[in-house]
Amino acid sequence: MLFRSKTLCPACHQADGKGQERLGANLVDSRLVEASTDVVARIVLQGKEGKIGLMPPLGTSLSDDQIAAALSYVRRQWGHAAPVIDPAAVKQIRTATAARNRPWTDEELAAIK
């Protein structure tokens, strides 16, 4: 189930994935789209601070299945060919980062392998 990724994500990132200035990152050209599952799941779970602004944390609103479906969709769009995300991996990352109460930074995400 893609839940509402076709309405929730495009609100900031646009249906074409090119984002909106000061609101949503360009996913078409983003190196993070094809980053490890550990990185992309953390961004959705706890959010991300960046040059564009804040990617809000969605971990309290979305299930592991919903996050995996949305990430898998994005990772297969706009010329990307990254592997799909397993909901079990999202669950594991959610558990491992449960104490996190602030968004991730580019520097923190770059340190994750």
PDB file of N, CA and C in Angstrom:
ATOM      1  N   MET A   1       0.839  -1.188   0.000  1.00  0.00           N
ATOM      2  CA  MET A   1       0.000   0.000   0.000  1.00  0.00           C
ATOM      3  C   MET A   1       0.877   1.241   0.000  1.00  0.00           C
ATOM      4  N   LEU A   2       0.679   2.138  -0.924  1.00  0.00           N
ATOM      5  CA  LEU A   2       1.440   3.373  -0.966  1.00  0.00           C
ATOM      6  C   LEU A   2       0.811   4.422  -0.074  1.00  0.00           C
ATOM      7  N   PHE A   3      -0.170   4.033   0.719  1.00  0.00           N
ATOM      8  CA  PHE A   3      -0.876   4.873   1.669  1.00  0.00           C
ATOM      9  C   PHE A   3      -1.210   6.199   1.050  1.00  0.00           C
ATOM     10  N   ARG A   4      -0.615   7.216   1.491  1.00  0.00           N
ATOM     11  CA  ARG A   4      -0.887   8.544   0.957  1.00  0.00           C
ATOM     12  C   ARG A   4       0.383   9.209   0.445  1.00  0.00           C
ATOM     13  N   SER A   5       1.404   8.419   0.100  1.00  0.00           N
ATOM     14  CA  SER A   5       2.648   9.000  -0.398  1.00  0.00           C
ATOM     15  C   SER A   5       2.411   9.811  -1.659  1.00  0.00           C
ATOM     16  N   LYS A   6       1.362   9.469  -2.392  1.00  0.00           N
ATOM     17  CA  LYS A   6       1.066  10.221  -3.610  1.00  0.00           C
ATOM     18  C   LYS A   6       0.427  11.561  -3.293  1.00  0.00           C
ATOM     19  N   THR A   7       0.027  11.795  -2.056  1.00  0.00           N
ATOM     20  CA  THR A   7      -0.488  13.103  -1.671  1.00  0.00           C
ATOM     21  C   THR A   7       0.379  13.749  -0.593  1.00  0.00           C
ATOM     22  N   LEU A   8       0.901  12.972   0.324  1.00  0.00           N
ATOM     23  CA  LEU A   8       1.700  13.516   1.421  1.00  0.00           C
ATOM     24  C   LEU A   8       3.050  14.040   0.935  1.00  0.00           C
ATOM     25  N   CYS A   9       3.802  13.227   0.240  1.00  0.00           N
ATOM     26  CA  CYS A   9       5.156  13.600  -0.202  1.00  0.00           C
ATOM     27  C   CYS A   9       5.152  14.728  -1.231  1.00  0.00           C
ATOM     28  N   PRO A  10       4.273  14.673  -2.257  1.00  0.00           N
ATOM     29  CA  PRO A  10       4.276  15.740  -3.259  1.00  0.00           C
ATOM     30  C   PRO A  10       3.895  17.119  -2.712  1.00  0.00           C
ATOM     31  N   ALA A  11       3.309  17.168  -1.547  1.00  0.00           N
ATOM     32  CA  ALA A  11       2.969  18.470  -0.976  1.00  0.00           C
ATOM     33  C   ALA A  11       4.204  19.359  -0.872  1.00  0.00           C
ATOM     34  N   CYS A  12       5.346  18.774  -0.613  1.00  0.00           N
ATOM     35  CA  CYS A  12       6.604  19.533  -0.532  1.00  0.00           C
ATOM     36  C   CYS A  12       7.563  19.205  -1.670  1.00  0.00           C
ATOM     37  N   HIS A  13       7.632  17.920  -2.023  1.00  0.00           N
ATOM     38  CA  HIS A  13       8.612  17.465  -3.020  1.00  0.00           C
ATOM     39  C   HIS A  13       8.076  17.518  -4.444  1.00  0.00           C
ATOM     40  N   GLN A  14       6.788  17.799  -4.627  1.00  0.00           N
ATOM     41  CA  GLN A  14       6.118  17.869  -5.918  1.00  0.00           C
ATOM     42  C   GLN A  14       5.989  16.484  -6.570  1.00  0.00           C
ATOM     43  N   ALA A  15       5.001  16.331  -7.400  1.00  0.00           N
ATOM     44  CA  ALA A  15       4.756  15.050  -8.074  1.00  0.00           C
ATOM     45  C   ALA A  15       5.901  14.656  -8.996  1.00  0.00           C
ATOM     46  N   ASP A  16       6.612  15.658  -9.518  1.00  0.00           N
ATOM     47  CA  ASP A  16       7.742  15.361 -10.402  1.00  0.00           C
ATOM     48  C   ASP A  16       9.050  15.169  -9.643  1.00  0.00           C
ATOM     49  N   GLY A  17       9.008  15.267  -8.302  1.00  0.00           N
ATOM     50  CA  GLY A  17      10.183  15.048  -7.464  1.00  0.00           C
ATOM     51  C   GLY A  17      11.171  16.186  -7.446  1.00  0.00           C
ATOM     52  N   LYS A  18      10.869  17.282  -8.100  1.00  0.00           N
ATOM     53  CA  LYS A  18      11.833  18.384  -8.195  1.00  0.00           C
ATOM     54  C   LYS A  18      11.781  19.348  -7.011  1.00  0.00           C
ATOM     55  N   GLY A  19      10.878  19.122  -6.085  1.00  0.00           N
ATOM     56  CA  GLY A  19      10.826  19.921  -4.866  1.00  0.00           C
ATOM     57  C   GLY A  19      10.322  21.337  -5.068  1.00  0.00           C
ATOM     58  N   GLN A  20      10.362  22.084  -3.965  1.00  0.00           N
ATOM     59  CA  GLN A  20       9.950  23.480  -3.954  1.00  0.00           C
ATOM     60  C   GLN A  20      10.962  24.265  -3.149  1.00  0.00           C
ATOM     61  N   GLU A  21      11.333  25.403  -3.656  1.00  0.00           N
ATOM     62  CA  GLU A  21      12.304  26.244  -2.961  1.00  0.00           C
ATOM     63  C   GLU A  21      11.845  26.526  -1.528  1.00  0.00           C
ATOM     64  N   ARG A  22      12.746  26.283  -0.599  1.00  0.00           N
ATOM     65  CA  ARG A  22      12.545  26.538   0.825  1.00  0.00           C
ATOM     66  C   ARG A  22      11.438  25.691   1.458  1.00  0.00           C
ATOM     67  N   LEU A  23      11.001  24.646   0.747  1.00  0.00           N
ATOM     68  CA  LEU A  23       9.941  23.804   1.296  1.00  0.00           C
ATOM     69  C   LEU A  23      10.235  22.318   1.178  1.00  0.00           C
ATOM     70  N   GLY A  24      10.710  21.866   0.032  1.00  0.00           N
ATOM     71  CA  GLY A  24      10.969  20.447  -0.159  1.00  0.00           C
ATOM     72  C   GLY A  24      12.148  20.231  -1.081  1.00  0.00           C
ATOM     73  N   ALA A  25      13.020  19.320  -0.702  1.00  0.00           N
ATOM     74  CA  ALA A  25      14.231  19.036  -1.483  1.00  0.00           C
ATOM     75  C   ALA A  25      13.897  18.419  -2.825  1.00  0.00           C
ATOM     76  N   ASN A  26      14.774  18.621  -3.775  1.00  0.00           N
ATOM     77  CA  ASN A  26      14.705  17.997  -5.088  1.00  0.00           C
ATOM     78  C   ASN A  26      15.128  16.537  -4.907  1.00  0.00           C
ATOM     79  N   LEU A  27      14.220  15.617  -5.117  1.00  0.00           N
ATOM     80  CA  LEU A  27      14.520  14.190  -4.976  1.00  0.00           C
ATOM     81  C   LEU A  27      15.096  13.599  -6.255  1.00  0.00           C
ATOM     82  N   VAL A  28      14.886  14.264  -7.368  1.00  0.00           N
ATOM     83  CA  VAL A  28      15.382  13.774  -8.651  1.00  0.00           C
ATOM     84  C   VAL A  28      16.911  13.755  -8.648  1.00  0.00           C
ATOM     85  N   ASP A  29      17.514  14.814  -8.157  1.00  0.00           N
ATOM     86  CA  ASP A  29      18.966  14.957  -8.162  1.00  0.00           C
ATOM     87  C   ASP A  29      19.614  14.662  -6.807  1.00  0.00           C
ATOM     88  N   SER A  30      18.864  14.162  -5.870  1.00  0.00           N
ATOM     89  CA  SER A  30      19.376  13.951  -4.513  1.00  0.00           C
ATOM     90  C   SER A  30      20.204  12.676  -4.394  1.00  0.00           C
ATOM     91  N   ARG A  31      21.398  12.816  -3.865  1.00  0.00           N
ATOM     92  CA  ARG A  31      22.247  11.653  -3.586  1.00  0.00           C
ATOM     93  C   ARG A  31      21.664  10.838  -2.428  1.00  0.00           C
ATOM     94  N   LEU A  32      20.886  11.482  -1.580  1.00  0.00           N
ATOM     95  CA  LEU A  32      20.326  10.780  -0.419  1.00  0.00           C
ATOM     96  C   LEU A  32      19.265   9.756  -0.804  1.00  0.00           C
ATOM     97  N   VAL A  33      18.596   9.939  -1.921  1.00  0.00           N
ATOM     98  CA  VAL A  33      17.563   8.982  -2.348  1.00  0.00           C
ATOM     99  C   VAL A  33      18.138   7.579  -2.464  1.00  0.00           C
ATOM    100  N   GLU A  34      19.382   7.484  -2.930  1.00  0.00           N
ATOM    101  CA  GLU A  34      20.008   6.176  -3.113  1.00  0.00           C
ATOM    102  C   GLU A  34      20.977   5.827  -1.991  1.00  0.00           C
ATOM    103  N   ALA A  35      20.914   6.569  -0.884  1.00  0.00           N
ATOM    104  CA  ALA A  35      21.753   6.265   0.280  1.00  0.00           C
ATOM    105  C   ALA A  35      21.276   4.957   0.925  1.00  0.00           C
ATOM    106  N   SER A  36      21.998   4.511   1.921  1.00  0.00           N
ATOM    107  CA  SER A  36      21.646   3.261   2.609  1.00  0.00           C
ATOM    108  C   SER A  36      20.268   3.353   3.262  1.00  0.00           C
ATOM    109  N   THR A  37      19.699   2.195   3.511  1.00  0.00           N
ATOM    110  CA  THR A  37      18.419   2.136   4.214  1.00  0.00           C
ATOM    111  C   THR A  37      18.519   2.833   5.558  1.00  0.00           C
ATOM    112  N   ASP A  38      19.655   2.692   6.243  1.00  0.00           N
ATOM    113  CA  ASP A  38      19.844   3.350   7.538  1.00  0.00           C
ATOM    114  C   ASP A  38      19.681   4.863   7.434  1.00  0.00           C
ATOM    115  N   VAL A  39      20.169   5.431   6.363  1.00  0.00           N
ATOM    116  CA  VAL A  39      20.102   6.884   6.186  1.00  0.00           C
ATOM    117  C   VAL A  39      18.691   7.328   5.814  1.00  0.00           C
ATOM    118  N   VAL A  40      18.128   6.751   4.767  1.00  0.00           N
ATOM    119  CA  VAL A  40      16.827   7.233   4.288  1.00  0.00           C
ATOM    120  C   VAL A  40      15.710   6.998   5.301  1.00  0.00           C
ATOM    121  N   ALA A  41      15.760   5.895   6.013  1.00  0.00           N
ATOM    122  CA  ALA A  41      14.732   5.641   7.028  1.00  0.00           C
ATOM    123  C   ALA A  41      14.830   6.644   8.166  1.00  0.00           C
ATOM    124  N   ARG A  42      16.041   6.991   8.571  1.00  0.00           N
ATOM    125  CA  ARG A  42      16.211   7.984   9.641  1.00  0.00           C
ATOM    126  C   ARG A  42      15.651   9.341   9.240  1.00  0.00           C
ATOM    127  N   ILE A  43      15.845   9.707   7.984  1.00  0.00           N
ATOM    128  CA  ILE A  43      15.328  10.991   7.513  1.00  0.00           C
ATOM    129  C   ILE A  43      13.810  11.039   7.655  1.00  0.00           C
ATOM    130  N   VAL A  44      13.140   9.967   7.247  1.00  0.00           N
ATOM    131  CA  VAL A  44      11.682   9.955   7.336  1.00  0.00           C
ATOM    132  C   VAL A  44      11.223   9.809   8.791  1.00  0.00           C
ATOM    133  N   LEU A  45      11.891   8.978   9.544  1.00  0.00           N
ATOM    134  CA  LEU A  45      11.480   8.747  10.936  1.00  0.00           C
ATOM    135  C   LEU A  45      11.633   9.989  11.814  1.00  0.00           C
ATOM    136  N   GLN A  46      12.825  10.607  11.795  1.00  0.00           N
ATOM    137  CA  GLN A  46      13.098  11.725  12.706  1.00  0.00           C
ATOM    138  C   GLN A  46      13.246  13.074  12.017  1.00  0.00           C
ATOM    139  N   GLY A  47      13.199  13.105  10.705  1.00  0.00           N
ATOM    140  CA  GLY A  47      13.322  14.362   9.991  1.00  0.00           C
ATOM    141  C   GLY A  47      14.769  14.711   9.684  1.00  0.00           C
ATOM    142  N   LYS A  48      14.948  15.829   8.977  1.00  0.00           N
ATOM    143  CA  LYS A  48      16.283  16.264   8.582  1.00  0.00           C
ATOM    144  C   LYS A  48      16.328  17.778   8.496  1.00  0.00           C
ATOM    145  N   GLU A  49      17.376  18.345   9.084  1.00  0.00           N
ATOM    146  CA  GLU A  49      17.645  19.772   8.934  1.00  0.00           C
ATOM    147  C   GLU A  49      18.562  19.948   7.743  1.00  0.00           C
ATOM    148  N   GLY A  50      18.337  20.974   6.960  1.00  0.00           N
ATOM    149  CA  GLY A  50      19.206  21.188   5.817  1.00  0.00           C
ATOM    150  C   GLY A  50      19.101  22.584   5.267  1.00  0.00           C
ATOM    151  N   LYS A  51      19.736  22.790   4.123  1.00  0.00           N
ATOM    152  CA  LYS A  51      19.773  24.103   3.477  1.00  0.00           C
ATOM    153  C   LYS A  51      18.380  24.590   3.100  1.00  0.00           C
ATOM    154  N   ILE A  52      17.518  23.674   2.743  1.00  0.00           N
ATOM    155  CA  ILE A  52      16.173  24.048   2.308  1.00  0.00           C
ATOM    156  C   ILE A  52      15.283  24.363   3.501  1.00  0.00           C
ATOM    157  N   GLY A  53      15.545  23.726   4.603  1.00  0.00           N
ATOM    158  CA  GLY A  53      14.719  23.892   5.785  1.00  0.00           C
ATOM    159  C   GLY A  53      14.604  22.571   6.510  1.00  0.00           C
ATOM    160  N   LEU A  54      13.457  22.309   7.044  1.00  0.00           N
ATOM    161  CA  LEU A  54      13.246  21.105   7.846  1.00  0.00           C
ATOM    162  C   LEU A  54      12.375  20.097   7.118  1.00  0.00           C
ATOM    163  N   MET A  55      12.886  18.876   6.972  1.00  0.00           N
ATOM    164  CA  MET A  55      12.061  17.738   6.570  1.00  0.00           C
ATOM    165  C   MET A  55      11.438  17.283   7.873  1.00  0.00           C
ATOM    166  N   PRO A  56      10.126  17.389   8.023  1.00  0.00           N
ATOM    167  CA  PRO A  56       9.526  17.050   9.314  1.00  0.00           C
ATOM    168  C   PRO A  56       9.616  15.556   9.619  1.00  0.00           C
ATOM    169  N   PRO A  57       9.712  15.217  10.883  1.00  0.00           N
ATOM    170  CA  PRO A  57       9.709  13.805  11.263  1.00  0.00           C
ATOM    171  C   PRO A  57       8.324  13.210  11.029  1.00  0.00           C
ATOM    172  N   LEU A  58       8.290  12.048  10.402  1.00  0.00           N
ATOM    173  CA  LEU A  58       7.017  11.401  10.106  1.00  0.00           C
ATOM    174  C   LEU A  58       6.859  10.066  10.827  1.00  0.00           C
ATOM    175  N   GLY A  59       7.830   9.726  11.666  1.00  0.00           N
ATOM    176  CA  GLY A  59       7.819   8.443  12.347  1.00  0.00           C
ATOM    177  C   GLY A  59       6.638   8.215  13.272  1.00  0.00           C
ATOM    178  N   THR A  60       6.102   9.273  13.831  1.00  0.00           N
ATOM    179  CA  THR A  60       4.950   9.099  14.711  1.00  0.00           C
ATOM    180  C   THR A  60       3.643   9.008  13.928  1.00  0.00           C
ATOM    181  N   SER A  61       3.682   9.412  12.663  1.00  0.00           N
ATOM    182  CA  SER A  61       2.470   9.413  11.831  1.00  0.00           C
ATOM    183  C   SER A  61       2.357   8.221  10.903  1.00  0.00           C
ATOM    184  N   LEU A  62       3.502   7.630  10.542  1.00  0.00           N
ATOM    185  CA  LEU A  62       3.506   6.572   9.540  1.00  0.00           C
ATOM    186  C   LEU A  62       4.005   5.254  10.107  1.00  0.00           C
ATOM    187  N   SER A  63       3.445   4.170   9.628  1.00  0.00           N
ATOM    188  CA  SER A  63       3.872   2.829  10.039  1.00  0.00           C
ATOM    189  C   SER A  63       5.155   2.446   9.298  1.00  0.00           C
ATOM    190  N   ASP A  64       5.775   1.380   9.747  1.00  0.00           N
ATOM    191  CA  ASP A  64       6.967   0.866   9.072  1.00  0.00           C
ATOM    192  C   ASP A  64       6.645   0.484   7.628  1.00  0.00           C
ATOM    193  N   ASP A  65       5.510  -0.122   7.408  1.00  0.00           N
ATOM    194  CA  ASP A  65       5.089  -0.494   6.051  1.00  0.00           C
ATOM    195  C   ASP A  65       4.907   0.740   5.170  1.00  0.00           C
ATOM    196  N   GLN A  66       4.305   1.775   5.714  1.00  0.00           N
ATOM    197  CA  GLN A  66       4.084   2.998   4.944  1.00  0.00           C
ATOM    198  C   GLN A  66       5.404   3.687   4.594  1.00  0.00           C
ATOM    199  N   ILE A  67       6.311   3.748   5.550  1.00  0.00           N
ATOM    200  CA  ILE A  67       7.620   4.361   5.297  1.00  0.00           C
ATOM    201  C   ILE A  67       8.383   3.564   4.249  1.00  0.00           C
ATOM    202  N   ALA A  68       8.391   2.248   4.385  1.00  0.00           N
ATOM    203  CA  ALA A  68       9.091   1.399   3.409  1.00  0.00           C
ATOM    204  C   ALA A  68       8.491   1.575   2.015  1.00  0.00           C
ATOM    205  N   ALA A  69       7.178   1.651   1.920  1.00  0.00           N
ATOM    206  CA  ALA A  69       6.522   1.815   0.616  1.00  0.00           C
ATOM    207  C   ALA A  69       6.865   3.162  -0.006  1.00  0.00           C
ATOM    208  N   ALA A  70       6.816   4.224   0.776  1.00  0.00           N
ATOM    209  CA  ALA A  70       7.123   5.557   0.253  1.00  0.00           C
ATOM    210  C   ALA A  70       8.572   5.645  -0.195  1.00  0.00           C
ATOM    211  N   LEU A  71       9.480   5.146   0.630  1.00  0.00           N
ATOM    212  CA  LEU A  71      10.898   5.184   0.271  1.00  0.00           C
ATOM    213  C   LEU A  71      11.185   4.317  -0.958  1.00  0.00           C
ATOM    214  N   SER A  72      10.578   3.153  -1.024  1.00  0.00           N
ATOM    215  CA  SER A  72      10.778   2.276  -2.177  1.00  0.00           C
ATOM    216  C   SER A  72      10.275   2.950  -3.450  1.00  0.00           C
ATOM    217  N   TYR A  73       9.152   3.615  -3.355  1.00  0.00           N
ATOM    218  CA  TYR A  73       8.603   4.334  -4.504  1.00  0.00           C
ATOM    219  C   TYR A  73       9.587   5.400  -4.994  1.00  0.00           C
ATOM    220  N   VAL A  74      10.045   6.238  -4.086  1.00  0.00           N
ATOM    221  CA  VAL A  74      10.971   7.320  -4.440  1.00  0.00           C
ATOM    222  C   VAL A  74      12.266   6.759  -5.010  1.00  0.00           C
ATOM    223  N   ARG A  75      12.749   5.654  -4.434  1.00  0.00           N
ATOM    224  CA  ARG A  75      14.025   5.069  -4.865  1.00  0.00           C
ATOM    225  C   ARG A  75      13.939   4.386  -6.231  1.00  0.00           C
ATOM    226  N   ARG A  76      12.730   4.297  -6.809  1.00  0.00           N
ATOM    227  CA  ARG A  76      12.541   3.688  -8.130  1.00  0.00           C
ATOM    228  C   ARG A  76      11.993   4.694  -9.147  1.00  0.00           C
ATOM    229  N   GLN A  77      11.905   5.954  -8.765  1.00  0.00           N
ATOM    230  CA  GLN A  77      11.377   6.996  -9.650  1.00  0.00           C
ATOM    231  C   GLN A  77      12.502   7.868 -10.195  1.00  0.00           C
ATOM    232  N   TRP A  78      12.206   8.617 -11.239  1.00  0.00           N
ATOM    233  CA  TRP A  78      13.070   9.680 -11.777  1.00  0.00           C
ATOM    234  C   TRP A  78      14.472   9.196 -12.101  1.00  0.00           C
ATOM    235  N   GLY A  79      14.565   7.958 -12.587  1.00  0.00           N
ATOM    236  CA  GLY A  79      15.849   7.410 -13.002  1.00  0.00           C
ATOM    237  C   GLY A  79      16.653   6.739 -11.903  1.00  0.00           C
ATOM    238  N   HIS A  80      16.125   6.744 -10.691  1.00  0.00           N
ATOM    239  CA  HIS A  80      16.821   6.062  -9.591  1.00  0.00           C
ATOM    240  C   HIS A  80      16.612   4.556  -9.708  1.00  0.00           C
ATOM    241  N   ALA A  81      17.577   3.792  -9.252  1.00  0.00           N
ATOM    242  CA  ALA A  81      17.476   2.331  -9.306  1.00  0.00           C
ATOM    243  C   ALA A  81      17.948   1.705  -7.997  1.00  0.00           C
ATOM    244  N   ALA A  82      17.721   2.386  -6.891  1.00  0.00           N
ATOM    245  CA  ALA A  82      18.134   1.874  -5.589  1.00  0.00           C
ATOM    246  C   ALA A  82      17.217   0.732  -5.164  1.00  0.00           C
ATOM    247  N   PRO A  83      17.718  -0.153  -4.320  1.00  0.00           N
ATOM    248  CA  PRO A  83      16.889  -1.272  -3.850  1.00  0.00           C
ATOM    249  C   PRO A  83      15.665  -0.790  -3.064  1.00  0.00           C
ATOM    250  N   VAL A  84      14.624  -1.606  -3.096  1.00  0.00           N
ATOM    251  CA  VAL A  84      13.440  -1.308  -2.293  1.00  0.00           C
ATOM    252  C   VAL A  84      13.793  -1.462  -0.817  1.00  0.00           C
ATOM    253  N   ILE A  85      12.951  -0.896   0.013  1.00  0.00           N
ATOM    254  CA  ILE A  85      13.163  -0.918   1.462  1.00  0.00           C
ATOM    255  C   ILE A  85      12.229  -1.947   2.091  1.00  0.00           C
ATOM    256  N   ASP A  86      12.770  -2.772   2.957  1.00  0.00           N
ATOM    257  CA  ASP A  86      12.001  -3.788   3.682  1.00  0.00           C
ATOM    258  C   ASP A  86      11.417  -3.162   4.947  1.00  0.00           C
ATOM    259  N   PRO A  87      10.121  -3.327   5.183  1.00  0.00           N
ATOM    260  CA  PRO A  87       9.528  -2.787   6.402  1.00  0.00           C
ATOM    261  C   PRO A  87      10.233  -3.272   7.678  1.00  0.00           C
ATOM    262  N   ALA A  88      10.769  -4.487   7.662  1.00  0.00           N
ATOM    263  CA  ALA A  88      11.495  -4.996   8.843  1.00  0.00           C
ATOM    264  C   ALA A  88      12.738  -4.160   9.119  1.00  0.00           C
ATOM    265  N   ALA A  89      13.375  -3.651   8.066  1.00  0.00           N
ATOM    266  CA  ALA A  89      14.546  -2.791   8.249  1.00  0.00           C
ATOM    267  C   ALA A  89      14.131  -1.459   8.862  1.00  0.00           C
ATOM    268  N   VAL A  90      13.000  -0.925   8.435  1.00  0.00           N
ATOM    269  CA  VAL A  90      12.496   0.322   9.012  1.00  0.00           C
ATOM    270  C   VAL A  90      12.186   0.115  10.494  1.00  0.00           C
ATOM    271  N   LYS A  91      11.568  -1.008  10.812  1.00  0.00           N
ATOM    272  CA  LYS A  91      11.245  -1.307  12.208  1.00  0.00           C
ATOM    273  C   LYS A  91      12.519  -1.362  13.055  1.00  0.00           C
ATOM    274  N   GLN A  92      13.551  -2.008  12.530  1.00  0.00           N
ATOM    275  CA  GLN A  92      14.819  -2.118  13.258  1.00  0.00           C
ATOM    276  C   GLN A  92      15.443  -0.736  13.478  1.00  0.00           C
ATOM    277  N   ILE A  93      15.419   0.099  12.469  1.00  0.00           N
ATOM    278  CA  ILE A  93      15.983   1.442  12.594  1.00  0.00           C
ATOM    279  C   ILE A  93      15.133   2.291  13.534  1.00  0.00           C
ATOM    280  N   ARG A  94      13.827   2.142  13.463  1.00  0.00           N
ATOM    281  CA  ARG A  94      12.931   2.865  14.378  1.00  0.00           C
ATOM    282  C   ARG A  94      13.275   2.511  15.831  1.00  0.00           C
ATOM    283  N   THR A  95      13.466   1.236  16.097  1.00  0.00           N
ATOM    284  CA  THR A  95      13.802   0.790  17.455  1.00  0.00           C
ATOM    285  C   THR A  95      15.164   1.335  17.887  1.00  0.00           C
ATOM    286  N   ALA A  96      16.142   1.258  16.993  1.00  0.00           N
ATOM    287  CA  ALA A  96      17.502   1.696  17.322  1.00  0.00           C
ATOM    288  C   ALA A  96      17.596   3.198  17.543  1.00  0.00           C
ATOM    289  N   THR A  97      16.692   3.970  16.935  1.00  0.00           N
ATOM    290  CA  THR A  97      16.748   5.434  17.050  1.00  0.00           C
ATOM    291  C   THR A  97      15.588   6.004  17.864  1.00  0.00           C
ATOM    292  N   ALA A  98      14.911   5.179  18.623  1.00  0.00           N
ATOM    293  CA  ALA A  98      13.711   5.595  19.344  1.00  0.00           C
ATOM    294  C   ALA A  98      13.955   6.762  20.308  1.00  0.00           C
ATOM    295  N   ALA A  99      15.144   6.879  20.853  1.00  0.00           N
ATOM    296  CA  ALA A  99      15.432   7.958  21.811  1.00  0.00           C
ATOM    297  C   ALA A  99      15.733   9.288  21.110  1.00  0.00           C
ATOM    298  N   ARG A 100      15.880   9.256  19.818  1.00  0.00           N
ATOM    299  CA  ARG A 100      16.211  10.467  19.060  1.00  0.00           C
ATOM    300  C   ARG A 100      15.024  11.417  19.070  1.00  0.00           C
ATOM    301  N   ASN A 101      15.255  12.669  19.461  1.00  0.00           N
ATOM    302  CA  ASN A 101      14.148  13.623  19.528  1.00  0.00           C
ATOM    303  C   ASN A 101      14.420  14.899  18.739  1.00  0.00           C
ATOM    304  N   ARG A 102      15.351  14.817  17.796  1.00  0.00           N
ATOM    305  CA  ARG A 102      15.631  15.975  16.942  1.00  0.00           C
ATOM    306  C   ARG A 102      15.968  15.481  15.534  1.00  0.00           C
ATOM    307  N   PRO A 103      15.808  16.331  14.552  1.00  0.00           N
ATOM    308  CA  PRO A 103      16.107  15.936  13.173  1.00  0.00           C
ATOM    309  C   PRO A 103      17.596  15.674  12.963  1.00  0.00           C
ATOM    310  N   TRP A 104      17.894  14.903  11.945  1.00  0.00           N
ATOM    311  CA  TRP A 104      19.272  14.588  11.583  1.00  0.00           C
ATOM    312  C   TRP A 104      19.871  15.739  10.789  1.00  0.00           C
ATOM    313  N   THR A 105      21.181  15.879  10.865  1.00  0.00           N
ATOM    314  CA  THR A 105      21.888  16.872  10.059  1.00  0.00           C
ATOM    315  C   THR A 105      22.621  16.149   8.924  1.00  0.00           C
ATOM    316  N   ASP A 106      23.043  16.912   7.931  1.00  0.00           N
ATOM    317  CA  ASP A 106      23.820  16.327   6.833  1.00  0.00           C
ATOM    318  C   ASP A 106      25.078  15.655   7.365  1.00  0.00           C
ATOM    319  N   GLU A 107      25.731  16.287   8.326  1.00  0.00           N
ATOM    320  CA  GLU A 107      26.969  15.740   8.882  1.00  0.00           C
ATOM    321  C   GLU A 107      26.722  14.416   9.584  1.00  0.00           C
ATOM    322  N   GLU A 108      25.664  14.318  10.362  1.00  0.00           N
ATOM    323  CA  GLU A 108      25.346  13.066  11.056  1.00  0.00           C
ATOM    324  C   GLU A 108      25.009  11.966  10.059  1.00  0.00           C
ATOM    325  N   LEU A 109      24.246  12.292   9.044  1.00  0.00           N
ATOM    326  CA  LEU A 109      23.859  11.295   8.050  1.00  0.00           C
ATOM    327  C   LEU A 109      25.062  10.830   7.237  1.00  0.00           C
ATOM    328  N   ALA A 110      25.995  11.734   6.966  1.00  0.00           N
ATOM    329  CA  ALA A 110      27.200  11.363   6.215  1.00  0.00           C
ATOM    330  C   ALA A 110      28.065  10.382   6.979  1.00  0.00           C
ATOM    331  N   ALA A 111      27.968  10.390   8.302  1.00  0.00           N
ATOM    332  CA  ALA A 111      28.775   9.488   9.136  1.00  0.00           C
ATOM    333  C   ALA A 111      28.176   8.090   9.229  1.00  0.00           C
ATOM    334  N   ILE A 112      26.941   7.917   8.765  1.00  0.00           N
ATOM    335  CA  ILE A 112      26.278   6.607   8.823  1.00  0.00           C
ATOM    336  C   ILE A 112      26.610   5.825   7.562  1.00  0.00           C
ATOM    337  N   LYS A 113      27.013   4.613   7.740  1.00  0.00           N
ATOM    338  CA  LYS A 113      27.371   3.765   6.580  1.00  0.00           C
ATOM    339  C   LYS A 113      26.231   2.892   6.186  1.00  0.00           C
TER     340      LYS A 113
END
